[in-house]
Amino acid sequence: KSFKPETFHPHADRLIETVRRYAPQAEIVIHQTWAYRDDHGFFGQPDLNPDTMYRGLRAAYDGLAQQYGLRQIPSGDAMEAARRDPDWGRFVPDPDFDPAKAVRPALPKERRSLHGGYGWRRDRKTGEYRLGNDAIHANRYGDYLLGCVWFEFLFRQSALGIGFLPEGIDAADAAILQRIAHRVVSEGQRPEPAP
């Protein structure tokens, strides 16, 4: 619920106060989170979708940063920039996959997803496998993008041309994600929230 600024308080206030008291030399930075994937069940509510969630996240993190004079690691901005980037392409749920009828090990095509997505997980109590959709946490592509964001932010070096390729990510996709991270962090091109 980090798109609701009231959920930050009083916890963020106490944390910032504690760090400033016991480690006054430390720089406190805010790590933005990101909007859930388009197919998250949360978005069945009226007036809530990835665009409105991003708008709320952006306002909440900007407000906290302004209140305390902190820099932000623009992770949420980068995830949103990738979602809108024509070279990356927007995630579209697999129209041929029906989770209610899925039989293990069937999984949908999830091209261009930056989120965990569908997976079969074993129930610890029953031992049965259940299909779940993690439309919140980053997957390998999201992790790579966020790693590039943190690299540029913390080390003030360009992620463009980084040679490291995690398993399952090809050079062309890595180059797109590096460019998005660079554009957001070093060039300050934050996506404008949708109206």
Foldseek 3Di string as FASTA:
>chain_A
DLLALVVCPPVVVVVVVVCCVPPVVDADEAEQFAFFAQPDPVQVDPPDGRLSSLVSSVVNRVVVCVVVVHHYLPLHLLVVLLCPDPLLYHWDWAPPDDQVPDDPPDATDTRSQQWDAWGWDQDPPPRDTHIDTGRGHGDPLSVLLSVLSCCCQVVVDQPAPPPDDPPPDDPSSSNVSSVSSCCCRVVVDGDDRDD
